[in-house]
Amino acid sequence: MDEPWHSLLVSSGVVALFIALWSHIPPLVDCSTPLRKCLFGVLFGFGAIVCMAIALESHSRGALLDLRNVLIVSSSFIGGPLAGITCGLLAAAYRLYIGGPDTTLALFLMVSAVVIGSVVHVRMRTREPQRKDALVLAVAFTVLGGALYAAFVEIRPTAEVLLHPTLFRFATCLLSALAMAKEVRRQGMARTNTIYSAIMAALPDCLNVKDENGKFIAANPATAKLMRAASSESLIGKSDYDFYPEATAAEFRAYETELVEARTPRTIEQYVVHKDGSTAWLSTLKVPVHDQRGKFQGLITHNRDISVRKRLEQELAISQERLQLTFSNMLAGVAMFDSSYKLLFSNDRYLELFPMTRDVRQPGARFRDIIRASLERGEKRVSSREELERIVELSEVPIREITQTQFDLSDGRWIEARINPTPGGYFAVYTDVTDQKKLEHELKSVNAQLEELAQSDGLTGLLNRRAMDQFLAEELGRCARGLGPTSILLIDVDKFKIYNDTYGHLAGDECLRQVAQCLKESVKRTTDRVARYGGEEFAAILSGTEQRDAEAIAEQLRHNLQQRAIEHQGNLPQVVTVSIGVATIAPGTASDMASIIKAADEALYQAKELGRNRVVCAQTISNDETKSGRRSA
């Protein structure tokens, strides 16, 4: 072998040696800090020095034949400008130290190697070096180095002198760059795998990978715990048949085979039974992985124990079933609406209460649409279209507190609605209160009758003394406010004791009833009241009546009763007659009940003193004037 080739081969061995040494020092492969880049440059700088130290001189010019620049360009390619400059400075210092011909050319070639490697490194930016980057580096290094050599050395470029060494340097540079790029990627993958392994081990969920035979090739501690294995390492090389009953394992294997053939990931829920009899529910994601050529690489399985969730779901389902059963058997209708007034849920009784709109009252229906349908179909009556639209418009007014309302339907039924606001909407309870309404109506009727009885005289049917006093007090208040005069008539049956003694008490009662009837016929206005004041005395309260009109009414009453000609032998006209006292209060006059009754009673006493069967008017009670009383017979 020629000496130049011997020198290049030895130098290539040095290059290979230092690349191998570099690959076994991970911090230098990483080159993530300036210090590591400098140390990387120092390592390859020493490699370049070794290349020069063992190199042979060329016969033609005495130049050194070595591959120092391959190490320099490689250090710049992987470590960037800082590593390349460090390596180049060491190599340049040694080259200047040993001297010899073509030192300037050697320095230019070193500088060009640093520049070429740095440019390609910067071009890669933050990504890892690829094959195309190594090819670009080798081509640029060879072309620029050959051009510089041809420019400085004035010799004829023969194959022996230029072509063969240049091709050798190209091959060495390309192989070195490819090897170093691959090592960078390998160690990057190793770091990534370390991170993934740590994440995998820390995951609380089960994560594992199986090969084409269904055997574990990777698993985390959570998988070992699920499989009842001693450790994740003990799972490697084993399959589901080692941990599950044969039938369960066969089912898992058949599903995984189908999944690998389909090449699509799937998520399923599995109920598993372990060999020790324990059970669990798992949510399982299985992802078949294939390489770029379509070759199967492994089946990734992610398991999550959902036994607690399944138990809670089962309990929830039982609770919902019980709740549904409870709602279905309730006598009240129940409906739940969300915050936008959409019906979420209702029981059967709710639909039974509203048969005309049963088809509308379904989940998803708006409350206003339900109300509109109820009104338009006549389920609930409205007087006009305007009232219908107003009710629909007000149907979805926000409710902030419990509300209770009652409404009647066209079929005569009454419904009570109780609406409770909830955090997510409204909860409504509808109850048929028709029977309750009927009872309330009957009770009101009975109460009215009782009230009437409480205010009525049992014998004559007129108001009693208590009711008369209450009405008189109201009239006096109205009069005091200036809303009109008020008059009162006190009526006494003449010589009634003699009538009772002559005809008996039964006849006396009948006489009083006829007097009461005559009184009711004479006082006809709805604003007036007539009452039995006590014994044979009666009273009439005439609202808004002046003394003159009151006197005329009293005289008409006296005349009407006399015309009835009720026999009374103990009385001078031989018929039943009455004496009447009239008292009036002028508008705006403040007076109490005792004053006006006293005035009327005095007028009545005067009528009796004057011979009975006559009307006497007392002085009008007024703040500014007093009118004289009159009498008639």
Foldseek 3Di string as FASTA:
>chain_A
DDQLVVLAVVQLVLLVVLLVVQLVPVLLLVLPDLVSLLVVLVSLLVSLLVSQVSFAADPVFGHTRHLSLLSLLLSCQRNALSSSVNSLVSNLVSLVVVDGPPNVLVNVLSVQSSVLSNVLNVVCPPDQDDLVSQLSSLVSSLVVNLVSVPVVDPDDDDCVPRVVSSVSSSVSSSVSNVVSSVSSVVVVVVVVVVVVLVVQQPDCWWKFKAAPVQATQFTYQNVCVVQVHPGRVVRGPHHVVVWAPPVQRVVVNVVVVVCLVVQDKDWDWDWGATPVGDIFIKTKIWGFDADPVRHTDIIMIIIDTCRVVVVVVVVVVVVVVVVLVVQQPDQKKKWFAFAQQFTADIYPNVLVVQVQQSVQNDGGHHPLVSLLSCDVSQQADDDDPVVSVVCSVPRNDDDDAWDWDWGATPVGWIKIWIWGADPGGIMIIIHTCSVVVVVVVVVVVVVVVVVQVVQADPLQRFGEQVVVQVLVQVLLVCQLQQNAKKKKKKKAKPPLVLVCVVPNVVVSSVLLNVLSVLLCVLPPDPSKGKYAHDDRMIMIMDHRDDPVRVQVSVLVSQVVQVVVFDADCVADVRGIGMEMFMEMEGGSDRDHPVVRVVQRVVQSVVCVVVPGSKYKYGWYHYDPDTDHIDMGD
